[in-house]
Amino acid sequence: MFKYLSFKRVLNMFFLWLANTLPIQGHLRWKIVKLGGVNIEGPCFIYKNVGFDSVAPELITIKKGAALTKGTIVLSHFIDPNQKGRVFRLAKVTIEEDVFIGCNTVICNSVTIGKGAMIAAGSIVTKDIPPYQVWGGNPARYIKDRAH
């Protein structure tokens, strides 16, 4: 068990935990999340209780102006169902500029959420979402285009 807990991973886990527990505003929380290893490319809103995968946080990229609301979980690892046995995979997750992600959404697999997209609350995102579209559901499906 201890071979999986490198100093870097423990430090990342500490900063990600700290971001969830400190009583600070969402527009300041992104700075602490960035210390936790997540690639954040500009100011964004990360609300309380947003969970980031501590296995490989460096594979998660969040761009300027994105908003991740309460209860959102962003995963950078998954088990590939197309392989025999349990094959553990790491995957890149990219959240483009001005994306809004509703409460209790889970983002998994290797996905890119396009610029200006909106994800409805409670959705499970398992595939790429084009720019300026609204998606929702489990699994997330196209709902409509968004004016931009």
Foldseek 3Di string as FASTA:
>chain_A
DCVLDDVLLVQLVVLQVVLQPDPDFQQPSVVSNVSSQAAEAETEGEEHQEAEASSHNVLEYEYEHEHDDHQEYEYQWDFDPVDPDTDIDGEHEYEYHNEYEAHNEYEDDHEYEEHNEYEYHPEYDDYYHYHQFYWYDDPTDTDGGHDD
